[in-house]
C-alpha atoms as a PDB file:
ATOM      1  CA  MET A   1      82.163  63.626 114.228  1.00  0.00           C
ATOM      2  CA  LYS A   2      80.906  67.167 113.620  1.00  0.00           C
ATOM      3  CA  ASN A   3      84.217  68.630 114.813  1.00  0.00           C
ATOM      4  CA  ASN A   4      86.164  66.390 112.412  1.00  0.00           C
ATOM      5  CA  LEU A   5      84.013  67.512 109.477  1.00  0.00           C
ATOM      6  CA  LYS A   6      84.332  71.142 110.564  1.00  0.00           C
ATOM      7  CA  ASN A   7      88.121  70.829 110.897  1.00  0.00           C
ATOM      8  CA  THR A   8      88.361  69.129 107.495  1.00  0.00           C
ATOM      9  CA  LEU A   9      86.344  71.906 105.846  1.00  0.00           C
ATOM     10  CA  ILE A  10      88.494  74.582 107.468  1.00  0.00           C
ATOM     11  CA  CYS A  11      91.669  72.820 106.277  1.00  0.00           C
ATOM     12  CA  LEU A  12      90.262  72.577 102.748  1.00  0.00           C
ATOM     13  CA  LEU A  13      89.378  76.276 102.713  1.00  0.00           C
ATOM     14  CA  ILE A  14      92.820  77.282 103.949  1.00  0.00           C
ATOM     15  CA  THR A  15      94.534  75.000 101.424  1.00  0.00           C
ATOM     16  CA  ALA A  16      92.351  76.313  98.586  1.00  0.00           C
ATOM     17  CA  SER A  17      93.102  79.921  99.486  1.00  0.00           C
ATOM     18  CA  PHE A  18      96.868  79.217  99.648  1.00  0.00           C
ATOM     19  CA  ASN A  19      96.702  77.524  96.242  1.00  0.00           C
ATOM     20  CA  LEU A  20      94.752  80.436  94.777  1.00  0.00           C
ATOM     21  CA  PHE A  21      97.284  82.877  96.206  1.00  0.00           C
ATOM     22  CA  ALA A  22     100.257  80.855  95.004  1.00  0.00           C
ATOM     23  CA  GLN A  23      98.788  80.518  91.528  1.00  0.00           C
ATOM     24  CA  THR A  24      98.050  84.232  91.393  1.00  0.00           C
ATOM     25  CA  LYS A  25     101.654  85.093  92.366  1.00  0.00           C
ATOM     26  CA  THR A  26     102.903  82.618  89.753  1.00  0.00           C
ATOM     27  CA  ASP A  27     100.642  84.282  87.191  1.00  0.00           C
ATOM     28  CA  ALA A  28     101.934  87.736  88.172  1.00  0.00           C
ATOM     29  CA  LEU A  29     105.510  86.577  87.646  1.00  0.00           C
ATOM     30  CA  ARG A  30     104.609  84.975  84.304  1.00  0.00           C
ATOM     31  CA  ASP A  31     102.759  88.061  83.043  1.00  0.00           C
ATOM     32  CA  ALA A  32     105.525  90.409  84.200  1.00  0.00           C
ATOM     33  CA  GLN A  33     108.087  88.242  82.374  1.00  0.00           C
ATOM     34  CA  LEU A  34     105.933  88.257  79.224  1.00  0.00           C
ATOM     35  CA  THR A  35     105.739  92.048  79.394  1.00  0.00           C
ATOM     36  CA  SER A  36     109.466  92.361  80.035  1.00  0.00           C
ATOM     37  CA  THR A  37     110.333  90.111  77.095  1.00  0.00           C
ATOM     38  CA  ALA A  38     107.905  92.045  74.898  1.00  0.00           C
ATOM     39  CA  SER A  39     109.656  95.297  75.866  1.00  0.00           C
ATOM     40  CA  LEU A  40     113.041  93.804  75.007  1.00  0.00           C
ATOM     41  CA  ASN A  41     111.698  92.675  71.626  1.00  0.00           C
ATOM     42  CA  MET A  42     109.852  95.973  71.108  1.00  0.00           C
ATOM     43  CA  ASP A  43     106.565  94.073  70.832  1.00  0.00           C
ATOM     44  CA  PHE A  44     104.440  97.002  71.916  1.00  0.00           C
ATOM     45  CA  GLU A  45     101.094  95.259  71.222  1.00  0.00           C
ATOM     46  CA  THR A  46     101.916  92.798  74.001  1.00  0.00           C
ATOM     47  CA  VAL A  47     103.238  95.524  76.309  1.00  0.00           C
ATOM     48  CA  LEU A  48      99.966  97.431  75.902  1.00  0.00           C
ATOM     49  CA  LYS A  49      97.882  94.292  76.556  1.00  0.00           C
ATOM     50  CA  TYR A  50      99.397  94.192  80.049  1.00  0.00           C
ATOM     51  CA  THR A  51      99.225  97.955  80.643  1.00  0.00           C
ATOM     52  CA  LEU A  52      96.622  99.282  83.065  1.00  0.00           C
ATOM     53  CA  PRO A  53      93.665 100.396  80.862  1.00  0.00           C
ATOM     54  CA  SER A  54      93.343 103.809  82.526  1.00  0.00           C
ATOM     55  CA  VAL A  55      96.909 104.558  81.381  1.00  0.00           C
ATOM     56  CA  LEU A  56      95.925 103.706  77.804  1.00  0.00           C
ATOM     57  CA  ASP A  57      92.824 105.900  78.131  1.00  0.00           C
ATOM     58  CA  MET A  58      95.018 108.762  79.312  1.00  0.00           C
ATOM     59  CA  MET A  59      97.176 108.301  76.189  1.00  0.00           C
ATOM     60  CA  GLY A  60      94.125 108.531  73.908  1.00  0.00           C
ATOM     61  CA  GLY A  61      93.418 104.795  73.602  1.00  0.00           C
ATOM     62  CA  LYS A  62      95.384 101.752  72.572  1.00  0.00           C
ATOM     63  CA  GLU A  63      95.996 102.790  68.955  1.00  0.00           C
ATOM     64  CA  ALA A  64      97.236 106.255  69.929  1.00  0.00           C
ATOM     65  CA  ALA A  65      99.452 104.753  72.648  1.00  0.00           C
ATOM     66  CA  LEU A  66     100.880 102.268  70.149  1.00  0.00           C
ATOM     67  CA  LYS A  67     101.746 105.070  67.712  1.00  0.00           C
ATOM     68  CA  VAL A  68     103.405 107.196  70.407  1.00  0.00           C
ATOM     69  CA  ILE A  69     105.458 104.322  71.818  1.00  0.00           C
ATOM     70  CA  SER A  70     106.459 103.021  68.392  1.00  0.00           C
ATOM     71  CA  SER A  71     107.564 106.416  67.105  1.00  0.00           C
ATOM     72  CA  THR A  72     109.411 107.209  70.357  1.00  0.00           C
ATOM     73  CA  PHE A  73     111.373 103.962  70.214  1.00  0.00           C
ATOM     74  CA  GLU A  74     112.035 104.311  66.480  1.00  0.00           C
ATOM     75  CA  GLY A  75     113.503 107.754  67.152  1.00  0.00           C
ATOM     76  CA  MET A  76     115.610 106.362  69.979  1.00  0.00           C
ATOM     77  CA  LYS A  77     116.764 103.442  67.799  1.00  0.00           C
ATOM     78  CA  SER A  78     117.887 105.878  65.096  1.00  0.00           C
ATOM     79  CA  GLN A  79     120.048 107.543  67.767  1.00  0.00           C
ATOM     80  CA  GLY A  80     121.694 104.217  68.667  1.00  0.00           C
ATOM     81  CA  PHE A  81     119.378 103.008  71.425  1.00  0.00           C
ATOM     82  CA  VAL A  82     119.708  99.268  72.111  1.00  0.00           C
ATOM     83  CA  PHE A  83     117.785  97.326  74.748  1.00  0.00           C
ATOM     84  CA  GLU A  84     120.274  94.795  76.153  1.00  0.00           C
ATOM     85  CA  LYS A  85     118.373  93.242  79.074  1.00  0.00           C
ATOM     86  CA  ALA A  86     114.912  93.221  80.542  1.00  0.00           C
ATOM     87  CA  ASP A  87     114.564  90.850  83.485  1.00  0.00           C
ATOM     88  CA  ILE A  88     112.077  90.312  86.269  1.00  0.00           C
ATOM     89  CA  ASN A  89     113.782  89.779  89.621  1.00  0.00           C
ATOM     90  CA  GLY A  90     110.743  88.957  91.722  1.00  0.00           C
ATOM     91  CA  VAL A  91     107.188  89.579  92.823  1.00  0.00           C
ATOM     92  CA  SER A  92     106.084  90.716  96.279  1.00  0.00           C
ATOM     93  CA  ASP A  93     103.379  88.996  98.237  1.00  0.00           C
ATOM     94  CA  ILE A  94      99.912  89.487  96.789  1.00  0.00           C
ATOM     95  CA  VAL A  95      97.585  91.699  98.800  1.00  0.00           C
ATOM     96  CA  LYS A  96      93.886  92.377  98.392  1.00  0.00           C
ATOM     97  CA  GLU A  97      93.148  96.094  98.716  1.00  0.00           C
ATOM     98  CA  GLN A  98      90.217  98.194  97.572  1.00  0.00           C
ATOM     99  CA  GLY A  99      88.692  95.115  95.910  1.00  0.00           C
ATOM    100  CA  GLN A 100      91.840  94.367  93.851  1.00  0.00           C
ATOM    101  CA  PHE A 101      94.636  91.826  94.060  1.00  0.00           C
ATOM    102  CA  ARG A 102      97.906  93.783  93.877  1.00  0.00           C
ATOM    103  CA  CYS A 103     101.633  93.194  93.994  1.00  0.00           C
ATOM    104  CA  VAL A 104     104.917  94.963  93.353  1.00  0.00           C
ATOM    105  CA  VAL A 105     107.220  93.545  90.681  1.00  0.00           C
ATOM    106  CA  GLU A 106     110.955  94.240  90.697  1.00  0.00           C
ATOM    107  CA  GLY A 107     112.576  94.494  87.290  1.00  0.00           C
ATOM    108  CA  TYR A 108     116.012  95.153  85.879  1.00  0.00           C
ATOM    109  CA  ASN A 109     116.640  96.852  82.539  1.00  0.00           C
ATOM    110  CA  GLN A 110     119.878  97.557  80.760  1.00  0.00           C
ATOM    111  CA  MET A 111     120.219  99.622  77.616  1.00  0.00           C
ATOM    112  CA  VAL A 112     122.802 101.507  75.589  1.00  0.00           C
ATOM    113  CA  MET A 113     122.398 104.987  74.135  1.00  0.00           C
ATOM    114  CA  SER A 114     124.846 107.757  73.222  1.00  0.00           C
ATOM    115  CA  ASN A 115     127.899 105.732  74.304  1.00  0.00           C
ATOM    116  CA  GLN A 116     126.403 105.193  77.739  1.00  0.00           C
ATOM    117  CA  ARG A 117     125.140 102.057  79.442  1.00  0.00           C
ATOM    118  CA  ILE A 118     122.006 102.734  81.446  1.00  0.00           C
ATOM    119  CA  SER A 119     120.925 100.165  83.998  1.00  0.00           C
ATOM    120  CA  SER A 120     117.947 100.437  86.261  1.00  0.00           C
ATOM    121  CA  LYS A 121     116.218  98.497  88.945  1.00  0.00           C
ATOM    122  CA  SER A 122     112.617  99.581  88.698  1.00  0.00           C
ATOM    123  CA  TYR A 123     109.248  98.539  90.018  1.00  0.00           C
ATOM    124  CA  LEU A 124     105.808  97.886  88.616  1.00  0.00           C
ATOM    125  CA  LEU A 125     102.523  97.810  90.451  1.00  0.00           C
ATOM    126  CA  GLY A 126     100.553  94.781  89.317  1.00  0.00           C
ATOM    127  CA  ILE A 127      96.755  94.730  89.455  1.00  0.00           C
ATOM    128  CA  TYR A 128      94.958  91.489  88.664  1.00  0.00           C
ATOM    129  CA  ASN A 129      92.437  91.640  85.819  1.00  0.00           C
ATOM    130  CA  LYS A 130      89.724  89.258  87.092  1.00  0.00           C
ATOM    131  CA  VAL A 131      87.774  89.318  83.823  1.00  0.00           C
ATOM    132  CA  ASP A 132      90.578  88.286  81.450  1.00  0.00           C
ATOM    133  CA  LYS A 133      92.591  86.476  84.149  1.00  0.00           C
ATOM    134  CA  TYR A 134      95.942  88.192  83.696  1.00  0.00           C
ATOM    135  CA  TRP A 135      97.848  91.035  85.354  1.00  0.00           C
ATOM    136  CA  TRP A 136      97.984  94.686  84.335  1.00  0.00           C
ATOM    137  CA  PHE A 137     101.025  96.771  85.208  1.00  0.00           C
ATOM    138  CA  ILE A 138     101.946 100.391  85.735  1.00  0.00           C
ATOM    139  CA  GLU A 139     105.338 101.896  86.577  1.00  0.00           C
ATOM    140  CA  ALA A 140     105.179 102.121  90.355  1.00  0.00           C
ATOM    141  CA  LYS A 141     107.156 105.390  90.410  1.00  0.00           C
ATOM    142  CA  GLN A 142     104.198 107.058  88.676  1.00  0.00           C
ATOM    143  CA  LEU A 143     102.149 106.448  91.833  1.00  0.00           C
ATOM    144  CA  LYS A 144     104.349 108.908  93.707  1.00  0.00           C
ATOM    145  CA  ASN A 145     102.809 111.693  91.582  1.00  0.00           C
ATOM    146  CA  GLU A 146      99.531 112.318  93.405  1.00  0.00           C
ATOM    147  CA  ALA A 147      97.836 114.217  90.550  1.00  0.00           C
ATOM    148  CA  LEU A 148      98.657 111.462  88.051  1.00  0.00           C
ATOM    149  CA  THR A 149      97.622 108.738  90.494  1.00  0.00           C
ATOM    150  CA  ASN A 150      94.254 110.430  91.017  1.00  0.00           C
ATOM    151  CA  GLN A 151      93.650 110.301  87.251  1.00  0.00           C
ATOM    152  CA  ILE A 152      94.776 106.709  86.803  1.00  0.00           C
ATOM    153  CA  LEU A 153      93.627 105.149  90.087  1.00  0.00           C
ATOM    154  CA  PRO A 154      91.216 107.513  91.882  1.00  0.00           C
ATOM    155  CA  ASN A 155      91.234 107.133  95.690  1.00  0.00           C
ATOM    156  CA  PHE A 156      94.247 104.813  95.480  1.00  0.00           C
ATOM    157  CA  GLU A 157      95.615 103.595  98.785  1.00  0.00           C
ATOM    158  CA  THR A 158      98.065 100.789  99.397  1.00  0.00           C
ATOM    159  CA  ALA A 159      99.993  99.157 102.205  1.00  0.00           C
ATOM    160  CA  LEU A 160     102.489  97.814  99.652  1.00  0.00           C
ATOM    161  CA  GLU A 161     105.966  99.256  99.911  1.00  0.00           C
ATOM    162  CA  ILE A 162     106.893 100.895  96.623  1.00  0.00           C
ATOM    163  CA  PRO A 163     110.674 101.361  96.535  1.00  0.00           C
ATOM    164  CA  ASP A 164     112.391 104.105  94.587  1.00  0.00           C
ATOM    165  CA  ASP A 165     113.943 103.165  91.253  1.00  0.00           C
ATOM    166  CA  ASP A 166     117.721 102.841  91.121  1.00  0.00           C
ATOM    167  CA  LEU A 167     119.269 104.241  87.918  1.00  0.00           C
ATOM    168  CA  LYS A 168     122.937 104.054  86.946  1.00  0.00           C
ATOM    169  CA  VAL A 169     124.528 105.630  83.895  1.00  0.00           C
ATOM    170  CA  GLU A 170     128.072 104.675  82.945  1.00  0.00           C
ATOM    171  CA  PRO A 171     130.130 105.775  79.960  1.00  0.00           C
ATOM    172  CA  ILE A 172     131.085 102.995  77.581  1.00  0.00           C
ATOM    173  CA  THR A 173     134.830 102.987  77.078  1.00  0.00           C
ATOM    174  CA  ASP A 174     136.377 100.652  74.539  1.00  0.00           C
END
C-alpha cells in the first residue's frame, strides 16, 4: 500500500512539473507574440513592458527609452520605413539556469526602407518574470557582446544555444 501511495505521489509530481513547464512555454510564446505584434504596430509601451528591466535602466529608464525608440522610429518612418511582418516562429525548451527560467525565441521580421526589403530571422532570450508572471525579452545577439552582457546580466551563463541572426537585404524592383 505504501508503494502505491509513493508511486502515485511521484506520478503527480512529474505530471505537475510537466504541466508547469508546458504552461510556461505557452506563456513565453504568447508574450513573444504580444511583443512582436506591438513592434509591428509601433506600440512601444507594450514592447517596453516585455523588455528586460536592466536594458531599460541602461537606457535611462522607461520614459527615456520610450522617447528614444519613438523618435528613432518616427525618423525612420519619415524616410519611408514600413514594418511589413513581425512573426514568432517558435520557442525553445525552457531551462532553469542561475535561478531563472529561460528560453530562446525565434522571430522573423520584414521591413521596407530606401527601396530595399530587409528580412531577418532573429532571436530573443526570454527570462521569466516570476513576480508579474510574464516573460521579459532581450535581443539574443546582444549577449555575444561580453561587456554589454556584464552590464545587463552580470555573471550570465547559459547552456542555451543562441544562433546568429540571418539578415537579407534585397532591392525592390517594380
